[in-house]
Every structure is written in C-alpha cells, then in structure tokens.
C-alpha cells in the first residue's frame, strides 16, 4: 500500500454510435477520433469486424486498422484491444460491437440444457469485454448496428419507402455503460439519446465532425478529482452555484450525492434564518 498525493485525473470517453447500415457510423467515428487526438489519426486504431469497411475512409488520414475475423468472441475483442493499447493508441474504434453480441447469441443457442440457466454462462464472457472497455485508460468509440425497418412517407406527392433504424443489435442495457450514445439516422444526422457530458443533451440534430470530438476532448480534460469537487461544494454560496456545479460534473457529482444534499440543506437553513430574523442570520439586537 502507498499513499499518493491527489492529482487531476483526465477522463477517457466511452461512447457509442448506433444507426442503420449506411448511416455513416464508421466515418462519424473517425471524425470524432480525429477531434479527440487534435487531428493526429496516427494515434487512432480501428478494430474492424465489418469486412474491411474502415479502409474506405483512408483518405481522411493515416489511422491504423486491425481486421478482426471470425470468431468475434469477447476474448478475441479483448486480445485486439490489448494489441492496440500496447501499440500506444489513444483512441480505439470498435467497428462494430454488434458482432460480439451475435457471437454470444449463437454460443448460447448451441448450449444444451435450460436456456435461462445458460445465460449465467454468457454474462461473464460479455462482462469481461465490457470491463475491458470501461477500465482501459484510453478513449473508446463503439459502433452498433440497429435492426432495420421501412416506413412509408409522402415525398413530393408520392408515397415512398424510407429506411429507419430501430433497436441496437446488443443487449438492452448496453447503453448504460457509455458516457455518450449518439443515434445516427439514414441521412447521417445525429442526436444524443444519452449524454452524461451535457454537451449535446436536448440539442437539435447535427452532423458529427471533428469539432464534435474536440468538444468532447475539452470536456474530458476539464474533469476534476473527487477531492477538488468536495472543496468546490464547500465553496458554493448559493443554491444556484451548487446546482450548476452538479450539472456541469454529473458523473463525479453522483458519487458525492450526500455532500450535495447536505450543502443544499445548509444553504436552505441559512436562507430560512435570514428570512425569519429579518436583518441577517445573527440575533436581533436587544
């Protein structure tokens, strides 16, 4: 055991892009990675399980590609991630992680015995893969395919079929693991269905570009330590300041929920005393 002086810990983004085939997930991921590395794509690796589709965007810059053939097992993904980390990559794009889920579904269906009980054998395999993403000190961008369907819309007076995305080909709770999840439609427009950074929450649809990645990088670099957050809570003088501090640092703030509640109660009590005494928190002069 060894005590170390606290220091600012920069966050590493874990984000996902989900959309139908042709929505531009791979290109969007590369543009995000370009922003996350301040334009240096040589620090970006794509683990490509999409039959080499990542090579279609080589004109964007000299990023690295690791082709992942069958089987697309969690262990194979973890092995590929380790190769990229050892090579000094700063951003890993997993294009896509839907193949890993497909593998797990096929493996589950091949098992003998009770289907429900057999899921207990699958979950540790997936957890190993997800934990590798979350615990690695590196930026991750994962793409996920969605089940496709068509709707009939009117266009120029004619009824035409239009492709829409439905549910990601992944387990239902996978989005909980990521800090940001972008939904991309067939016209390449993105919106945030989950956003702990609060940079994109509630904002109109937009086209992802390198500036999007740079905004996320700035957010990562502005992350503060728990001890720094605790000091800032102490320094808050109004409910408005406390609320703003919480909303601007949502991830770490949630781990200090009780400190925020205690400070809020203290500020509310001070306001009550000021109101009841009329001339401040001190007793009236006799």
Protein backbone atom coordinates (compact mmCIF):
# COMPACT_ATOMS: atom_id res chain seq x y z
CA UNK A 1 0.00 0.00 0.00
CA UNK A 2 1.20 3.51 -0.78
CA UNK A 3 -0.34 6.93 -0.23
CA UNK A 4 -0.15 9.30 -3.17
CA UNK A 5 -0.93 12.98 -3.43
CA UNK A 6 -4.20 13.59 -5.26
CA UNK A 7 -3.88 14.87 -8.81
CA UNK A 8 -6.20 15.91 -11.60
CA UNK A 9 -7.49 12.83 -13.40
CA UNK A 10 -8.50 13.36 -17.02
CA UNK A 11 -11.45 11.31 -18.15
CA UNK A 12 -11.38 8.90 -21.07
CA UNK A 13 -14.58 8.99 -23.09
CA UNK A 14 -16.52 5.79 -23.71
CA UNK A 15 -19.11 6.50 -26.40
CA UNK A 16 -21.30 4.57 -28.81
CA UNK A 17 -22.78 5.33 -32.23
CA UNK A 18 -25.87 3.39 -33.26
CA UNK A 19 -27.66 3.52 -36.58
CA UNK A 20 -28.78 1.52 -39.62
CA UNK A 21 -26.46 0.35 -42.36
CA UNK A 22 -25.33 3.30 -44.48
CA UNK A 23 -25.98 5.91 -41.81
CA UNK A 24 -22.29 6.83 -41.61
CA UNK A 25 -21.30 5.30 -38.27
CA UNK A 26 -17.73 4.45 -39.32
CA UNK A 27 -16.97 7.83 -40.86
CA UNK A 28 -18.55 9.63 -37.90
CA UNK A 29 -16.40 7.57 -35.53
CA UNK A 30 -13.23 8.50 -37.44
CA UNK A 31 -14.14 12.21 -37.38
CA UNK A 32 -14.78 12.01 -33.64
CA UNK A 33 -11.43 10.27 -33.15
CA UNK A 34 -9.72 12.97 -35.21
CA UNK A 35 -11.08 15.59 -32.82
CA UNK A 36 -10.13 13.53 -29.75
CA UNK A 37 -6.49 13.37 -30.95
CA UNK A 38 -6.29 17.00 -32.10
CA UNK A 39 -6.06 15.84 -35.70
CA UNK A 40 -3.45 13.09 -35.28
CA UNK A 41 -5.09 9.98 -36.72
CA UNK A 42 -1.86 8.01 -36.35
CA UNK A 43 -2.92 7.60 -32.70
CA UNK A 44 -6.24 6.02 -33.72
CA UNK A 45 -6.87 2.30 -34.26
CA UNK A 46 -9.98 0.75 -35.75
CA UNK A 47 -10.78 -2.83 -34.75
CA UNK A 48 -12.67 -3.75 -37.90
CA UNK A 49 -15.14 -6.62 -37.84
CA UNK A 50 -17.05 -5.20 -40.84
CA UNK A 51 -15.03 -6.97 -43.55
CA UNK A 52 -12.58 -4.11 -44.07
CA UNK A 53 -15.14 -1.32 -44.46
CA UNK A 54 -12.95 1.06 -42.42
CA UNK A 55 -10.43 1.16 -45.29
CA UNK A 56 -12.99 3.03 -47.39
CA UNK A 57 -12.18 6.21 -45.46
CA UNK A 58 -8.37 6.10 -45.69
CA UNK A 59 -8.47 9.49 -47.44
CA UNK A 60 -9.30 11.06 -44.08
CA UNK A 61 -5.83 10.30 -42.74
CA UNK A 62 -3.37 7.64 -41.64
CA UNK A 63 -5.29 5.79 -38.96
CA UNK A 64 -4.49 2.17 -38.10
CA UNK A 65 -6.69 -0.84 -38.84
CA UNK A 66 -6.79 -4.23 -37.12
CA UNK A 67 -9.01 -6.63 -39.07
CA UNK A 68 -10.91 -8.95 -36.75
CA UNK A 69 -12.08 -12.10 -38.49
CA UNK A 70 -14.29 -14.84 -37.08
CA UNK A 71 -14.84 -15.84 -34.38
CA UNK A 72 -15.98 -12.48 -32.97
CA UNK A 73 -15.79 -13.71 -29.39
CA UNK A 74 -15.32 -11.39 -26.38
CA UNK A 75 -11.85 -12.88 -25.85
CA UNK A 76 -10.86 -12.01 -29.43
CA UNK A 77 -12.03 -8.40 -28.96
CA UNK A 78 -10.09 -8.14 -25.69
CA UNK A 79 -6.99 -9.54 -27.41
CA UNK A 80 -7.35 -6.98 -30.21
CA UNK A 81 -7.78 -4.13 -27.70
CA UNK A 82 -4.59 -5.20 -25.92
CA UNK A 83 -2.68 -5.10 -29.23
CA UNK A 84 -3.87 -1.52 -29.83
CA UNK A 85 -3.05 -0.37 -26.30
CA UNK A 86 0.46 -1.87 -26.47
CA UNK A 87 0.97 -0.01 -29.77
CA UNK A 88 0.36 3.30 -27.95
CA UNK A 89 -3.02 4.15 -29.45
CA UNK A 90 -5.02 6.96 -27.80
CA UNK A 91 -8.39 6.16 -29.38
CA UNK A 92 -9.82 2.75 -30.25
CA UNK A 93 -12.82 2.48 -32.57
CA UNK A 94 -14.72 -0.81 -32.25
CA UNK A 95 -16.49 -1.16 -35.59
CA UNK A 96 -18.72 -2.86 -34.64
CA UNK A 97 -19.52 -4.50 -31.29
CA UNK A 98 -22.75 -5.98 -32.68
CA UNK A 99 -20.72 -8.92 -33.99
CA UNK A 100 -19.71 -9.77 -30.42
CA UNK A 101 -23.37 -9.91 -29.38
CA UNK A 102 -24.19 -12.07 -32.41
CA UNK A 103 -21.42 -14.45 -31.33
CA UNK A 104 -22.80 -14.67 -27.78
CA UNK A 105 -26.33 -15.33 -29.05
CA UNK A 106 -25.07 -18.13 -31.32
CA UNK A 107 -22.98 -19.58 -28.49
CA UNK A 108 -25.98 -19.52 -26.16
CA UNK A 109 -28.19 -21.29 -28.67
CA UNK A 110 -25.57 -24.05 -29.03
CA UNK A 111 -25.59 -24.87 -25.31
CA UNK A 112 -27.51 -27.85 -24.02
CA UNK A 113 -29.95 -27.64 -21.14
CA UNK A 114 -32.09 -24.86 -19.67
CA UNK A 115 -31.94 -21.69 -21.77
CA UNK A 116 -32.42 -19.37 -18.79
CA UNK A 117 -29.72 -21.06 -16.72
CA UNK A 118 -27.32 -20.97 -19.68
CA UNK A 119 -27.38 -17.14 -19.68
CA UNK A 120 -25.32 -17.35 -16.49
CA UNK A 121 -22.53 -18.76 -18.65
CA UNK A 122 -22.84 -15.94 -21.19
CA UNK A 123 -22.86 -12.92 -18.87
CA UNK A 124 -19.29 -13.37 -17.52
CA UNK A 125 -18.00 -13.57 -21.10
CA UNK A 126 -19.67 -10.31 -22.08
CA UNK A 127 -18.70 -8.65 -18.79
CA UNK A 128 -15.03 -9.36 -19.48
CA UNK A 129 -15.35 -7.49 -22.80
CA UNK A 130 -17.31 -4.55 -21.38
CA UNK A 131 -14.99 -4.21 -18.37
CA UNK A 132 -12.01 -4.07 -20.72
CA UNK A 133 -13.56 -1.03 -22.43
CA UNK A 134 -14.54 0.73 -19.22
CA UNK A 135 -11.34 0.08 -17.27
CA UNK A 136 -8.80 0.87 -20.01
CA UNK A 137 -7.17 4.30 -19.79
CA UNK A 138 -7.96 5.15 -23.40
CA UNK A 139 -10.81 6.68 -25.43
CA UNK A 140 -13.28 4.20 -26.96
CA UNK A 141 -15.84 4.71 -29.74
CA UNK A 142 -18.08 1.69 -30.37
CA UNK A 143 -20.46 1.38 -33.31
CA UNK A 144 -23.64 -0.69 -33.13
CA UNK A 145 -25.89 -1.79 -35.95
CA UNK A 146 -29.64 -1.48 -35.47
CA UNK A 147 -32.42 -3.69 -36.69
CA UNK A 148 -33.86 -2.11 -39.79
CA UNK A 149 -37.39 -1.46 -40.92
CA UNK A 150 -39.11 0.67 -43.54
CA UNK A 151 -41.91 3.20 -43.20
CA UNK A 152 -43.99 4.75 -45.97
CA UNK A 153 -43.70 8.55 -46.11
CA UNK A 154 -45.03 11.12 -48.53
CA UNK A 155 -42.39 12.84 -50.64
CA UNK A 156 -43.20 15.26 -53.49
CA UNK A 157 -46.76 13.97 -53.59
CA UNK A 158 -45.69 10.33 -53.78
CA UNK A 159 -45.65 7.63 -51.10
CA UNK A 160 -42.12 6.25 -50.89
CA UNK A 161 -40.49 3.74 -48.51
CA UNK A 162 -37.86 5.16 -46.17
CA UNK A 163 -35.37 3.13 -44.13
CA UNK A 164 -35.45 3.74 -40.38
CA UNK A 165 -33.39 2.36 -37.52
CA UNK A 166 -34.97 0.52 -34.63
CA UNK A 167 -33.21 -1.26 -31.77
CA UNK A 168 -29.45 -1.70 -31.50
CA UNK A 169 -28.21 -5.25 -32.03
CA UNK A 170 -26.92 -5.55 -28.49
CA UNK A 171 -28.28 -6.42 -25.07
CA UNK A 172 -30.89 -3.92 -23.89
CA UNK A 173 -28.80 -2.37 -21.09
CA UNK A 174 -25.60 -1.81 -23.08
CA UNK A 175 -26.19 1.95 -23.44
CA UNK A 176 -25.88 2.32 -19.64
CA UNK A 177 -22.18 1.50 -19.94
CA UNK A 178 -21.36 4.50 -22.16
CA UNK A 179 -20.96 8.18 -21.28
CA UNK A 180 -22.43 9.33 -24.61
CA UNK A 181 -24.65 7.47 -27.10
CA UNK A 182 -25.34 9.07 -30.48
CA UNK A 183 -28.25 7.88 -32.64
CA UNK A 184 -27.49 8.41 -36.34
CA UNK A 185 -30.26 8.27 -38.95
CA UNK A 186 -30.14 7.29 -42.61
CA UNK A 187 -29.41 10.91 -43.58
CA UNK A 188 -26.32 10.96 -41.31
CA UNK A 189 -27.85 13.30 -38.72
CA UNK A 190 -27.02 12.56 -35.08
CA UNK A 191 -28.76 13.17 -31.79
CA UNK A 192 -27.77 12.16 -28.28
CA UNK A 193 -30.02 9.54 -26.67
CA UNK A 194 -27.70 9.53 -23.66
CA UNK A 195 -25.28 12.27 -22.64
CA UNK A 196 -23.57 12.50 -19.25
CA UNK A 197 -21.38 15.32 -20.53
CA UNK A 198 -24.48 17.53 -21.04
CA UNK A 199 -22.81 18.90 -24.20
CA UNK A 200 -25.46 17.53 -26.57
CA UNK A 201 -28.46 16.75 -24.38
CA UNK A 202 -31.65 18.30 -25.72
CA UNK A 203 -29.86 19.84 -28.71
CA UNK A 204 -31.18 19.66 -32.32
CA UNK A 205 -29.90 17.00 -34.72
CA UNK A 206 -26.48 17.72 -36.21
CA UNK A 207 -23.79 16.26 -38.45
CA UNK A 208 -20.85 14.82 -36.50
CA UNK A 209 -17.48 16.37 -37.39
CA UNK A 210 -14.01 16.79 -35.89
CA UNK A 211 -15.24 19.74 -33.82
CA UNK A 212 -17.65 17.36 -32.06
CA UNK A 213 -14.70 15.23 -30.99
CA UNK A 214 -12.75 18.31 -29.86
CA UNK A 215 -15.66 19.43 -27.67
CA UNK A 216 -15.68 16.01 -26.02
CA UNK A 217 -11.89 16.12 -25.56
CA UNK A 218 -12.17 19.52 -23.82
CA UNK A 219 -14.81 18.06 -21.51
CA UNK A 220 -12.56 15.08 -20.72
CA UNK A 221 -9.63 17.37 -19.89
CA UNK A 222 -11.75 19.55 -17.61
CA UNK A 223 -12.77 16.68 -15.33
CA UNK A 224 -11.85 17.29 -11.69
CA UNK A 225 -10.94 14.88 -8.89
CA UNK A 226 -13.29 13.93 -6.07
CA UNK A 227 -11.29 15.94 -3.52
CA UNK A 228 -11.42 19.01 -5.79
CA UNK A 229 -15.17 18.56 -6.15
CA UNK A 230 -15.63 18.30 -2.38
CA UNK A 231 -13.79 21.61 -1.93
CA UNK A 232 -15.93 23.28 -4.60
CA UNK A 233 -19.08 22.08 -2.79
CA UNK A 234 -17.84 23.76 0.39
CA UNK A 235 -17.17 27.00 -1.52
CA UNK A 236 -20.69 27.23 -3.04
CA UNK A 237 -22.56 30.21 -1.57
CA UNK A 238 -25.94 29.81 -3.31
CA UNK A 239 -28.29 27.02 -4.41
CA UNK A 240 -27.79 28.19 -8.00
CA UNK A 241 -23.99 27.76 -7.76
CA UNK A 242 -24.44 24.30 -6.22
CA UNK A 243 -26.90 23.23 -8.90
CA UNK A 244 -24.59 24.45 -11.69
CA UNK A 245 -21.64 22.59 -10.16
CA UNK A 246 -23.68 19.38 -10.04
CA UNK A 247 -24.95 19.64 -13.61
CA UNK A 248 -21.53 20.51 -15.09
CA UNK A 249 -19.84 17.50 -13.46
CA UNK A 250 -22.64 14.94 -13.45
CA UNK A 251 -20.60 11.72 -13.37
CA UNK A 252 -18.44 12.55 -10.36
CA UNK A 253 -21.23 14.56 -8.69
CA UNK A 254 -23.38 11.44 -8.48
CA UNK A 255 -20.69 9.79 -6.34
CA UNK A 256 -20.93 12.75 -3.92
CA UNK A 257 -24.70 12.88 -3.75
CA UNK A 258 -24.83 13.12 0.06
CA UNK A 259 -22.37 16.03 0.16
CA UNK A 260 -24.53 17.95 -2.31
CA UNK A 261 -27.68 17.23 -0.31
CA UNK A 262 -26.02 18.31 2.95
CA UNK A 263 -24.77 21.54 1.40
CA UNK A 264 -28.19 22.24 -0.12
CA UNK A 265 -29.84 21.74 3.29
CA UNK A 266 -27.29 24.06 4.90
CA UNK A 267 -27.91 26.80 2.35
CA UNK A 268 -31.68 26.40 2.72
CA UNK A 269 -31.37 26.70 6.52
CA UNK A 270 -29.28 29.85 6.17
CA UNK A 271 -31.91 31.38 3.88
CA UNK A 272 -34.63 30.46 6.38
CA UNK A 273 -32.73 32.12 9.23
CA UNK A 274 -32.14 35.25 7.19
CA UNK A 275 -35.83 35.44 6.36
CA UNK A 276 -37.04 34.82 9.94
CA UNK A 277 -34.58 37.25 11.59
CA UNK A 278 -35.19 39.97 9.05
CA UNK A 279 -31.75 41.58 9.31
CA UNK A 280 -29.50 38.57 8.80
CA UNK A 281 -28.53 35.30 10.39
CA UNK A 282 -27.46 36.95 13.63
CA UNK A 283 -29.89 37.55 16.55
CA UNK A 284 -31.58 40.93 16.67
CA UNK A 285 -30.02 43.49 18.99
CA UNK A 286 -31.99 43.97 22.24
